[in-house]
PDB file of N, CA and C in Angstrom:
ATOM      1  N   MET A   1       0.292  -1.212  -0.158  1.00  0.00           N
ATOM      2  CA  MET A   1       0.139   0.533   0.365  1.00  0.00           C
ATOM      3  C   MET A   1       1.047   1.248   0.086  1.00  0.00           C
ATOM      4  N   VAL A   2       0.267   2.157  -0.495  1.00  0.00           N
ATOM      5  CA  VAL A   2       1.561   3.570  -0.770  1.00  0.00           C
ATOM      6  C   VAL A   2       0.146   4.883   0.079  1.00  0.00           C
ATOM      7  N   ASP A   3       0.926   4.962   0.824  1.00  0.00           N
ATOM      8  CA  ASP A   3       0.283   5.734   1.773  1.00  0.00           C
ATOM      9  C   ASP A   3       0.645   6.937   1.606  1.00  0.00           C
ATOM     10  N   ILE A   4      -0.177   8.604   1.112  1.00  0.00           N
ATOM     11  CA  ILE A   4       0.370  10.161   0.857  1.00  0.00           C
ATOM     12  C   ILE A   4      -0.172  10.659   1.527  1.00  0.00           C
ATOM     13  N   LYS A   5      -0.097  11.601   1.687  1.00  0.00           N
ATOM     14  CA  LYS A   5      -0.079  12.503   3.144  1.00  0.00           C
ATOM     15  C   LYS A   5       0.532  14.193   2.093  1.00  0.00           C
ATOM     16  N   LEU A   6      -0.789  14.670   2.034  1.00  0.00           N
ATOM     17  CA  LEU A   6      -0.342  16.167   1.592  1.00  0.00           C
ATOM     18  C   LEU A   6      -1.038  17.196   1.922  1.00  0.00           C
ATOM     19  N   SER A   7      -0.234  17.878   2.558  1.00  0.00           N
ATOM     20  CA  SER A   7      -1.163  19.829   3.103  1.00  0.00           C
ATOM     21  C   SER A   7      -1.206  20.617   2.004  1.00  0.00           C
ATOM     22  N   LEU A   8      -1.548  20.622   1.899  1.00  0.00           N
ATOM     23  CA  LEU A   8      -2.263  22.446   0.826  1.00  0.00           C
ATOM     24  C   LEU A   8      -1.613  23.518   2.197  1.00  0.00           C
ATOM     25  N   GLN A   9      -2.121  23.132   2.829  1.00  0.00           N
ATOM     26  CA  GLN A   9      -1.722  24.464   3.723  1.00  0.00           C
ATOM     27  C   GLN A   9      -0.027  25.315   4.163  1.00  0.00           C
ATOM     28  N   THR A  10       0.198  23.772   4.825  1.00  0.00           N
ATOM     29  CA  THR A  10       1.825  23.459   5.256  1.00  0.00           C
ATOM     30  C   THR A  10       2.368  22.977   4.740  1.00  0.00           C
ATOM     31  N   LEU A  11       1.899  22.022   3.363  1.00  0.00           N
ATOM     32  CA  LEU A  11       2.835  22.515   2.031  1.00  0.00           C
ATOM     33  C   LEU A  11       4.080  20.773   2.657  1.00  0.00           C
ATOM     34  N   GLU A  12       3.561  20.025   3.223  1.00  0.00           N
ATOM     35  CA  GLU A  12       4.304  19.162   3.897  1.00  0.00           C
ATOM     36  C   GLU A  12       3.597  17.801   2.911  1.00  0.00           C
ATOM     37  N   PHE A  13       4.048  17.100   2.639  1.00  0.00           N
ATOM     38  CA  PHE A  13       3.913  15.950   1.707  1.00  0.00           C
ATOM     39  C   PHE A  13       5.031  14.770   1.858  1.00  0.00           C
ATOM     40  N   GLN A  14       4.035  13.663   2.202  1.00  0.00           N
ATOM     41  CA  GLN A  14       4.908  12.267   3.176  1.00  0.00           C
ATOM     42  C   GLN A  14       4.246  11.093   2.300  1.00  0.00           C
ATOM     43  N   VAL A  15       5.021   9.642   0.986  1.00  0.00           N
ATOM     44  CA  VAL A  15       4.519   8.803   0.568  1.00  0.00           C
ATOM     45  C   VAL A  15       5.477   7.998   1.311  1.00  0.00           C
ATOM     46  N   ASP A  16       4.878   7.021   1.882  1.00  0.00           N
ATOM     47  CA  ASP A  16       5.587   5.701   2.590  1.00  0.00           C
ATOM     48  C   ASP A  16       4.845   4.980   1.557  1.00  0.00           C
ATOM     49  N   GLY A  17       5.928   3.291   1.589  1.00  0.00           N
ATOM     50  CA  GLY A  17       4.873   2.129   1.072  1.00  0.00           C
ATOM     51  C   GLY A  17       5.201   2.085  -0.535  1.00  0.00           C
ATOM     52  N   HIS A  18       5.334   0.692  -0.735  1.00  0.00           N
ATOM     53  CA  HIS A  18       4.905   0.466  -2.413  1.00  0.00           C
ATOM     54  C   HIS A  18       3.135  -0.292  -2.764  1.00  0.00           C
ATOM     55  N   ALA A  19       3.173   0.187  -3.538  1.00  0.00           N
ATOM     56  CA  ALA A  19       1.520  -0.282  -3.811  1.00  0.00           C
ATOM     57  C   ALA A  19       2.186  -1.989  -3.915  1.00  0.00           C
ATOM     58  N   ARG A  20       2.648  -2.899  -4.641  1.00  0.00           N
ATOM     59  CA  ARG A  20       3.056  -4.605  -4.641  1.00  0.00           C
ATOM     60  C   ARG A  20       1.621  -4.802  -5.669  1.00  0.00           C
ATOM     61  N   ALA A  21       1.137  -3.769  -6.881  1.00  0.00           N
ATOM     62  CA  ALA A  21       0.151  -4.491  -7.231  1.00  0.00           C
ATOM     63  C   ALA A  21       1.496  -5.797  -8.901  1.00  0.00           C
ATOM     64  N   GLY A  22       2.937  -5.370  -8.607  1.00  0.00           N
ATOM     65  CA  GLY A  22       2.880  -6.196  -9.714  1.00  0.00           C
ATOM     66  C   GLY A  22       4.252  -6.430  -9.191  1.00  0.00           C
ATOM     67  N   GLU A  23       5.232  -7.280 -10.126  1.00  0.00           N
ATOM     68  CA  GLU A  23       6.652  -7.460  -9.357  1.00  0.00           C
ATOM     69  C   GLU A  23       7.433  -6.364 -10.473  1.00  0.00           C
ATOM     70  N   PHE A  24       8.214  -6.254  -8.411  1.00  0.00           N
ATOM     71  CA  PHE A  24       9.205  -5.086  -8.686  1.00  0.00           C
ATOM     72  C   PHE A  24       9.828  -4.505  -9.665  1.00  0.00           C
ATOM     73  N   GLY A  25       9.733  -3.506 -10.329  1.00  0.00           N
ATOM     74  CA  GLY A  25       9.771  -3.109 -11.096  1.00  0.00           C
ATOM     75  C   GLY A  25       9.523  -3.388 -12.382  1.00  0.00           C
ATOM     76  N   GLN A  26       8.248  -4.335 -12.127  1.00  0.00           N
ATOM     77  CA  GLN A  26       7.240  -4.061 -12.960  1.00  0.00           C
ATOM     78  C   GLN A  26       6.024  -2.967 -12.811  1.00  0.00           C
ATOM     79  N   ASP A  27       5.882  -2.748 -11.618  1.00  0.00           N
ATOM     80  CA  ASP A  27       4.737  -2.019 -10.578  1.00  0.00           C
ATOM     81  C   ASP A  27       3.774  -1.110 -11.962  1.00  0.00           C
ATOM     82  N   LEU A  28       3.151  -0.561 -12.173  1.00  0.00           N
ATOM     83  CA  LEU A  28       2.684   0.154 -12.851  1.00  0.00           C
ATOM     84  C   LEU A  28       2.399   1.574 -12.174  1.00  0.00           C
ATOM     85  N   ILE A  29       1.151   0.374 -11.547  1.00  0.00           N
ATOM     86  CA  ILE A  29       0.750   1.977 -10.459  1.00  0.00           C
ATOM     87  C   ILE A  29       2.273   2.664  -9.530  1.00  0.00           C
ATOM     88  N   CYS A  30       2.752   1.838  -8.645  1.00  0.00           N
ATOM     89  CA  CYS A  30       4.624   2.779  -7.846  1.00  0.00           C
ATOM     90  C   CYS A  30       4.763   3.804  -9.110  1.00  0.00           C
ATOM     91  N   CYS A  31       5.122   2.882 -10.249  1.00  0.00           N
ATOM     92  CA  CYS A  31       5.609   3.596 -11.392  1.00  0.00           C
ATOM     93  C   CYS A  31       4.993   5.463 -11.869  1.00  0.00           C
ATOM     94  N   ALA A  32       3.684   5.302 -11.992  1.00  0.00           N
ATOM     95  CA  ALA A  32       2.616   6.184 -11.512  1.00  0.00           C
ATOM     96  C   ALA A  32       2.897   6.848 -10.364  1.00  0.00           C
ATOM     97  N   VAL A  33       2.638   6.965  -9.683  1.00  0.00           N
ATOM     98  CA  VAL A  33       2.977   7.653  -8.357  1.00  0.00           C
ATOM     99  C   VAL A  33       4.022   8.163  -8.432  1.00  0.00           C
ATOM    100  N   SER A  34       5.584   7.581  -8.625  1.00  0.00           N
ATOM    101  CA  SER A  34       7.149   7.560  -8.586  1.00  0.00           C
ATOM    102  C   SER A  34       7.322   8.705  -9.179  1.00  0.00           C
ATOM    103  N   VAL A  35       6.514   9.390 -10.557  1.00  0.00           N
ATOM    104  CA  VAL A  35       6.745   9.510 -11.086  1.00  0.00           C
ATOM    105  C   VAL A  35       6.109  11.398 -10.655  1.00  0.00           C
ATOM    106  N   LEU A  36       4.724  11.313 -10.732  1.00  0.00           N
ATOM    107  CA  LEU A  36       4.361  11.798 -10.062  1.00  0.00           C
ATOM    108  C   LEU A  36       4.909  12.830  -8.855  1.00  0.00           C
ATOM    109  N   VAL A  37       5.896  12.034  -7.279  1.00  0.00           N
ATOM    110  CA  VAL A  37       6.592  12.237  -6.761  1.00  0.00           C
ATOM    111  C   VAL A  37       7.995  13.428  -7.410  1.00  0.00           C
ATOM    112  N   GLN A  38       8.331  12.191  -8.224  1.00  0.00           N
ATOM    113  CA  GLN A  38       9.366  12.800  -8.590  1.00  0.00           C
ATOM    114  C   GLN A  38       9.468  14.100  -9.591  1.00  0.00           C
ATOM    115  N   THR A  39       8.133  14.440 -10.372  1.00  0.00           N
ATOM    116  CA  THR A  39       8.271  15.682 -10.822  1.00  0.00           C
ATOM    117  C   THR A  39       8.042  16.918  -9.439  1.00  0.00           C
ATOM    118  N   LEU A  40       7.304  16.297  -8.270  1.00  0.00           N
ATOM    119  CA  LEU A  40       7.190  17.240  -7.845  1.00  0.00           C
ATOM    120  C   LEU A  40       8.318  18.460  -7.112  1.00  0.00           C
ATOM    121  N   ILE A  41       8.187  16.404  -6.344  1.00  0.00           N
ATOM    122  CA  ILE A  41      10.735  16.453  -6.089  1.00  0.00           C
ATOM    123  C   ILE A  41      10.869  18.478  -7.166  1.00  0.00           C
ATOM    124  N   ARG A  42      11.691  17.526  -7.793  1.00  0.00           N
ATOM    125  CA  ARG A  42      12.315  18.320  -8.970  1.00  0.00           C
ATOM    126  C   ARG A  42      11.075  19.442  -8.948  1.00  0.00           C
ATOM    127  N   ASN A  43      10.226  19.817  -9.475  1.00  0.00           N
ATOM    128  CA  ASN A  43       9.724  21.267  -9.124  1.00  0.00           C
ATOM    129  C   ASN A  43      10.218  22.137  -8.508  1.00  0.00           C
ATOM    130  N   MET A  44      10.480  21.668  -6.966  1.00  0.00           N
ATOM    131  CA  MET A  44      11.171  22.238  -5.649  1.00  0.00           C
ATOM    132  C   MET A  44      12.282  22.578  -6.064  1.00  0.00           C
ATOM    133  N   GLU A  45      13.503  21.471  -6.464  1.00  0.00           N
ATOM    134  CA  GLU A  45      14.489  21.842  -6.650  1.00  0.00           C
ATOM    135  C   GLU A  45      15.009  23.084  -7.041  1.00  0.00           C
ATOM    136  N   VAL A  46      13.569  23.075  -8.093  1.00  0.00           N
ATOM    137  CA  VAL A  46      14.314  24.047  -9.767  1.00  0.00           C
ATOM    138  C   VAL A  46      13.999  25.201  -8.121  1.00  0.00           C
ATOM    139  N   ALA A  47      12.663  25.307  -8.014  1.00  0.00           N
ATOM    140  CA  ALA A  47      12.093  26.540  -7.490  1.00  0.00           C
ATOM    141  C   ALA A  47      12.777  26.783  -6.436  1.00  0.00           C
ATOM    142  N   TYR A  48      14.035  26.470  -5.910  1.00  0.00           N
ATOM    143  CA  TYR A  48      14.636  26.903  -4.529  1.00  0.00           C
ATOM    144  C   TYR A  48      16.311  26.700  -5.291  1.00  0.00           C
ATOM    145  N   GLU A  49      16.167  26.328  -6.511  1.00  0.00           N
ATOM    146  CA  GLU A  49      17.810  26.848  -7.371  1.00  0.00           C
ATOM    147  C   GLU A  49      17.363  28.394  -7.854  1.00  0.00           C
ATOM    148  N   ARG A  50      16.464  28.404  -8.027  1.00  0.00           N
ATOM    149  CA  ARG A  50      15.844  29.975  -8.328  1.00  0.00           C
ATOM    150  C   ARG A  50      15.412  30.818  -7.261  1.00  0.00           C
ATOM    151  N   GLY A  51      15.424  30.822  -6.477  1.00  0.00           N
ATOM    152  CA  GLY A  51      15.127  31.413  -5.051  1.00  0.00           C
ATOM    153  C   GLY A  51      14.160  31.917  -4.761  1.00  0.00           C
ATOM    154  N   GLU A  52      13.055  31.053  -5.141  1.00  0.00           N
ATOM    155  CA  GLU A  52      11.884  31.107  -4.882  1.00  0.00           C
ATOM    156  C   GLU A  52      11.358  30.545  -3.271  1.00  0.00           C
ATOM    157  N   LEU A  53      12.266  30.098  -2.688  1.00  0.00           N
ATOM    158  CA  LEU A  53      12.071  28.504  -1.770  1.00  0.00           C
ATOM    159  C   LEU A  53      13.732  29.089  -0.154  1.00  0.00           C
ATOM    160  N   GLN A  54      12.732  29.638   0.779  1.00  0.00           N
ATOM    161  CA  GLN A  54      13.757  29.804   2.128  1.00  0.00           C
ATOM    162  C   GLN A  54      15.457  28.457   2.262  1.00  0.00           C
ATOM    163  N   TYR A  55      14.384  27.759   2.590  1.00  0.00           N
ATOM    164  CA  TYR A  55      14.897  26.604   2.136  1.00  0.00           C
ATOM    165  C   TYR A  55      13.223  25.651   1.964  1.00  0.00           C
ATOM    166  N   LEU A  56      14.550  24.384   1.765  1.00  0.00           N
ATOM    167  CA  LEU A  56      13.563  22.883   0.945  1.00  0.00           C
ATOM    168  C   LEU A  56      14.099  21.864   2.278  1.00  0.00           C
ATOM    169  N   ASP A  57      13.471  21.233   3.021  1.00  0.00           N
ATOM    170  CA  ASP A  57      13.327  19.833   3.496  1.00  0.00           C
ATOM    171  C   ASP A  57      12.613  18.841   2.508  1.00  0.00           C
ATOM    172  N   GLU A  58      14.177  17.960   2.402  1.00  0.00           N
ATOM    173  CA  GLU A  58      13.378  17.009   0.992  1.00  0.00           C
ATOM    174  C   GLU A  58      14.238  15.700   2.006  1.00  0.00           C
ATOM    175  N   GLU A  59      13.782  14.399   1.746  1.00  0.00           N
ATOM    176  CA  GLU A  59      14.424  13.319   2.553  1.00  0.00           C
ATOM    177  C   GLU A  59      14.441  11.657   1.462  1.00  0.00           C
ATOM    178  N   VAL A  60      14.877  11.299   0.340  1.00  0.00           N
ATOM    179  CA  VAL A  60      13.832  10.362  -0.019  1.00  0.00           C
ATOM    180  C   VAL A  60      14.755   9.309  -0.406  1.00  0.00           C
ATOM    181  N   ARG A  61      14.474   7.915   0.060  1.00  0.00           N
ATOM    182  CA  ARG A  61      15.088   6.203   0.108  1.00  0.00           C
ATOM    183  C   ARG A  61      13.474   5.494  -0.401  1.00  0.00           C
ATOM    184  N   ASP A  62      14.249   4.685  -0.757  1.00  0.00           N
ATOM    185  CA  ASP A  62      13.751   3.428  -0.924  1.00  0.00           C
ATOM    186  C   ASP A  62      11.805   3.250  -0.065  1.00  0.00           C
ATOM    187  N   GLY A  63      10.815   3.538  -1.196  1.00  0.00           N
ATOM    188  CA  GLY A  63       9.702   3.673  -0.738  1.00  0.00           C
ATOM    189  C   GLY A  63       9.350   4.245   0.378  1.00  0.00           C
ATOM    190  N   HIS A  64       9.704   5.897   0.434  1.00  0.00           N
ATOM    191  CA  HIS A  64       9.591   6.891   1.467  1.00  0.00           C
ATOM    192  C   HIS A  64      10.460   8.158   0.881  1.00  0.00           C
ATOM    193  N   VAL A  65       9.357   9.163   0.619  1.00  0.00           N
ATOM    194  CA  VAL A  65       9.314  10.672   1.053  1.00  0.00           C
ATOM    195  C   VAL A  65       9.065  11.141   1.805  1.00  0.00           C
ATOM    196  N   TYR A  66       9.495  12.434   1.770  1.00  0.00           N
ATOM    197  CA  TYR A  66       9.380  14.070   2.463  1.00  0.00           C
ATOM    198  C   TYR A  66       9.552  14.991   1.500  1.00  0.00           C
ATOM    199  N   LEU A  67       8.082  16.180   2.162  1.00  0.00           N
ATOM    200  CA  LEU A  67       8.795  16.997   1.001  1.00  0.00           C
ATOM    201  C   LEU A  67       8.188  17.840   1.961  1.00  0.00           C
ATOM    202  N   MET A  68       9.173  19.398   1.881  1.00  0.00           N
ATOM    203  CA  MET A  68       7.882  20.242   3.186  1.00  0.00           C
ATOM    204  C   MET A  68       9.013  21.616   2.398  1.00  0.00           C
ATOM    205  N   PRO A  69       8.818  22.287   1.079  1.00  0.00           N
ATOM    206  CA  PRO A  69       9.292  23.269   0.811  1.00  0.00           C
ATOM    207  C   PRO A  69       8.724  25.155   1.759  1.00  0.00           C
ATOM    208  N   HIS A  70       9.512  26.163   1.706  1.00  0.00           N
ATOM    209  CA  HIS A  70       9.814  27.195   2.898  1.00  0.00           C
ATOM    210  C   HIS A  70       9.650  28.002   2.237  1.00  0.00           C
ATOM    211  N   PRO A  71       8.390  28.438   1.370  1.00  0.00           N
ATOM    212  CA  PRO A  71       9.057  29.788   0.162  1.00  0.00           C
ATOM    213  C   PRO A  71       8.446  31.238   1.093  1.00  0.00           C
ATOM    214  N   TYR A  72       8.903  31.394   0.052  1.00  0.00           N
ATOM    215  CA  TYR A  72       8.577  32.887   0.696  1.00  0.00           C
ATOM    216  C   TYR A  72       7.305  33.680   0.003  1.00  0.00           C
ATOM    217  N   GLY A  73       7.379  34.679   1.025  1.00  0.00           N
ATOM    218  CA  GLY A  73       5.556  35.487   0.625  1.00  0.00           C
ATOM    219  C   GLY A  73       5.218  35.131  -0.666  1.00  0.00           C
ATOM    220  N   TRP A  74       5.928  35.793  -1.551  1.00  0.00           N
ATOM    221  CA  TRP A  74       5.685  36.621  -2.659  1.00  0.00           C
ATOM    222  C   TRP A  74       5.811  34.898  -3.772  1.00  0.00           C
ATOM    223  N   SER A  75       6.223  34.331  -3.349  1.00  0.00           N
ATOM    224  CA  SER A  75       6.196  32.432  -3.914  1.00  0.00           C
ATOM    225  C   SER A  75       5.506  31.980  -3.650  1.00  0.00           C
ATOM    226  N   LEU A  76       5.078  32.207  -3.204  1.00  0.00           N
ATOM    227  CA  LEU A  76       4.109  30.908  -1.887  1.00  0.00           C
ATOM    228  C   LEU A  76       3.098  29.845  -2.966  1.00  0.00           C
ATOM    229  N   GLN A  77       1.905  31.486  -4.017  1.00  0.00           N
ATOM    230  CA  GLN A  77       0.671  30.923  -4.846  1.00  0.00           C
ATOM    231  C   GLN A  77       1.377  30.223  -6.074  1.00  0.00           C
ATOM    232  N   ASN A  78       2.577  30.325  -6.801  1.00  0.00           N
ATOM    233  CA  ASN A  78       3.148  29.333  -7.242  1.00  0.00           C
ATOM    234  C   ASN A  78       3.732  28.216  -6.848  1.00  0.00           C
ATOM    235  N   ILE A  79       4.238  27.993  -6.223  1.00  0.00           N
ATOM    236  CA  ILE A  79       4.591  26.880  -4.949  1.00  0.00           C
ATOM    237  C   ILE A  79       3.295  26.289  -4.911  1.00  0.00           C
ATOM    238  N   SER A  80       2.414  26.834  -4.649  1.00  0.00           N
ATOM    239  CA  SER A  80       0.674  26.028  -4.539  1.00  0.00           C
ATOM    240  C   SER A  80       0.039  25.629  -5.382  1.00  0.00           C
ATOM    241  N   ALA A  81       0.461  25.814  -5.937  1.00  0.00           N
ATOM    242  CA  ALA A  81      -0.271  26.100  -7.895  1.00  0.00           C
ATOM    243  C   ALA A  81       0.635  24.046  -8.521  1.00  0.00           C
ATOM    244  N   ALA A  82       1.921  24.133  -8.138  1.00  0.00           N
ATOM    245  CA  ALA A  82       2.619  23.108  -8.330  1.00  0.00           C
ATOM    246  C   ALA A  82       2.006  22.149  -7.658  1.00  0.00           C
ATOM    247  N   TYR A  83       2.318  21.860  -6.279  1.00  0.00           N
ATOM    248  CA  TYR A  83       1.053  20.729  -5.455  1.00  0.00           C
ATOM    249  C   TYR A  83      -0.019  20.742  -6.068  1.00  0.00           C
ATOM    250  N   ARG A  84      -0.915  21.331  -6.509  1.00  0.00           N
ATOM    251  CA  ARG A  84      -2.511  21.328  -6.210  1.00  0.00           C
ATOM    252  C   ARG A  84      -2.398  20.507  -7.950  1.00  0.00           C
ATOM    253  N   VAL A  85      -1.357  20.226  -8.706  1.00  0.00           N
ATOM    254  CA  VAL A  85      -1.428  19.544 -10.282  1.00  0.00           C
ATOM    255  C   VAL A  85      -1.555  18.521  -9.567  1.00  0.00           C
ATOM    256  N   ILE A  86       0.156  18.180  -8.548  1.00  0.00           N
ATOM    257  CA  ILE A  86       0.291  16.383  -8.321  1.00  0.00           C
ATOM    258  C   ILE A  86      -0.251  16.364  -7.050  1.00  0.00           C
ATOM    259  N   ARG A  87      -1.871  16.818  -6.815  1.00  0.00           N
ATOM    260  CA  ARG A  87      -2.153  16.383  -6.216  1.00  0.00           C
ATOM    261  C   ARG A  87      -3.590  15.191  -7.190  1.00  0.00           C
ATOM    262  N   GLU A  88      -4.024  16.370  -7.841  1.00  0.00           N
ATOM    263  CA  GLU A  88      -5.646  15.860  -8.973  1.00  0.00           C
ATOM    264  C   GLU A  88      -4.754  14.225  -9.405  1.00  0.00           C
ATOM    265  N   GLY A  89      -3.421  14.491 -10.536  1.00  0.00           N
ATOM    266  CA  GLY A  89      -3.105  13.493 -10.632  1.00  0.00           C
ATOM    267  C   GLY A  89      -2.867  11.942  -9.259  1.00  0.00           C
ATOM    268  N   LEU A  90      -2.687  12.299  -7.757  1.00  0.00           N
ATOM    269  CA  LEU A  90      -2.477  11.374  -7.201  1.00  0.00           C
ATOM    270  C   LEU A  90      -3.692  11.540  -6.574  1.00  0.00           C
ATOM    271  N   ARG A  91      -4.553  11.855  -6.877  1.00  0.00           N
ATOM    272  CA  ARG A  91      -6.519  12.353  -6.504  1.00  0.00           C
ATOM    273  C   ARG A  91      -6.961  11.012  -7.539  1.00  0.00           C
ATOM    274  N   ALA A  92      -6.621  10.858  -9.045  1.00  0.00           N
ATOM    275  CA  ALA A  92      -6.921  10.197  -9.766  1.00  0.00           C
ATOM    276  C   ALA A  92      -6.533   9.001  -9.452  1.00  0.00           C
ATOM    277  N   LEU A  93      -5.176   8.565  -8.951  1.00  0.00           N
ATOM    278  CA  LEU A  93      -4.399   7.203  -8.940  1.00  0.00           C
ATOM    279  C   LEU A  93      -5.458   6.653  -7.608  1.00  0.00           C
ATOM    280  N   ALA A  94      -5.906   7.923  -6.863  1.00  0.00           N
ATOM    281  CA  ALA A  94      -5.994   6.765  -5.684  1.00  0.00           C
ATOM    282  C   ALA A  94      -7.193   6.689  -5.832  1.00  0.00           C
ATOM    283  N   GLU A  95      -8.271   6.909  -6.682  1.00  0.00           N
ATOM    284  CA  GLU A  95     -10.090   6.845  -6.842  1.00  0.00           C
ATOM    285  C   GLU A  95      -9.169   5.542  -8.169  1.00  0.00           C
ATOM    286  N   GLN A  96      -8.914   5.561  -8.678  1.00  0.00           N
ATOM    287  CA  GLN A  96      -9.224   4.042  -9.561  1.00  0.00           C
ATOM    288  C   GLN A  96      -8.359   2.900  -9.099  1.00  0.00           C
ATOM    289  N   TYR A  97      -7.673   3.419  -8.236  1.00  0.00           N
ATOM    290  CA  TYR A  97      -6.831   1.840  -7.870  1.00  0.00           C
ATOM    291  C   TYR A  97      -6.708   2.558  -6.178  1.00  0.00           C
ATOM    292  N   GLU A  98      -7.818   2.692  -5.548  1.00  0.00           N
ATOM    293  CA  GLU A  98      -7.975   2.753  -3.829  1.00  0.00           C
ATOM    294  C   GLU A  98      -7.912   1.328  -3.045  1.00  0.00           C
ATOM    295  N   GLN A  99      -7.060   0.201  -4.052  1.00  0.00           N
ATOM    296  CA  GLN A  99      -6.638  -0.860  -3.316  1.00  0.00           C
ATOM    297  C   GLN A  99      -5.210  -0.661  -2.239  1.00  0.00           C
ATOM    298  N   TYR A 100      -4.488   0.134  -3.689  1.00  0.00           N
ATOM    299  CA  TYR A 100      -3.274   0.268  -3.400  1.00  0.00           C
ATOM    300  C   TYR A 100      -2.286   1.435  -3.101  1.00  0.00           C
ATOM    301  N   ILE A 101      -3.657   2.641  -3.197  1.00  0.00           N
ATOM    302  CA  ILE A 101      -3.002   3.834  -3.310  1.00  0.00           C
ATOM    303  C   ILE A 101      -3.933   4.243  -1.953  1.00  0.00           C
ATOM    304  N   ARG A 102      -3.042   4.805  -0.958  1.00  0.00           N
ATOM    305  CA  ARG A 102      -4.085   6.114   0.158  1.00  0.00           C
ATOM    306  C   ARG A 102      -3.798   6.897   0.605  1.00  0.00           C
ATOM    307  N   LEU A 103      -5.031   8.217  -0.108  1.00  0.00           N
ATOM    308  CA  LEU A 103      -4.465   9.714   0.298  1.00  0.00           C
ATOM    309  C   LEU A 103      -4.857   9.930   0.959  1.00  0.00           C
ATOM    310  N   GLU A 104      -4.486  10.896   1.851  1.00  0.00           N
ATOM    311  CA  GLU A 104      -5.154  11.619   2.861  1.00  0.00           C
ATOM    312  C   GLU A 104      -4.449  13.085   2.838  1.00  0.00           C
ATOM    313  N   GLU A 105      -5.642  14.192   2.452  1.00  0.00           N
ATOM    314  CA  GLU A 105      -5.127  15.610   2.669  1.00  0.00           C
ATOM    315  C   GLU A 105      -6.003  16.106   3.817  1.00  0.00           C
ATOM    316  N   GLU A 106      -5.403  17.629   3.951  1.00  0.00           N
ATOM    317  CA  GLU A 106      -5.196  18.376   5.039  1.00  0.00           C
ATOM    318  C   GLU A 106      -5.792  19.875   4.561  1.00  0.00           C
TER     319      GLU A 106
END
């Protein structure tokens, strides 16, 4: 099971686990989640490089991601927009594959 916690208020984002919907390396549900998560991570790294974030809390390892950007007030709208886009993709996956993905939103 992939457990996802996402808060648009605090921008805290955490993913734990594996879908186990297929063999390791061939699990398309894990792949779909990973693509969305990696897209958000990269977007926040680029935002940090551009000076849109004061700092970026980031922890990535097998089966676990923790991400929490700390934007400046003027960049909050752009950072929140990136989160909303990824949230919609994760919502769609969680609705379609509820036996493999649990999404908790705050």
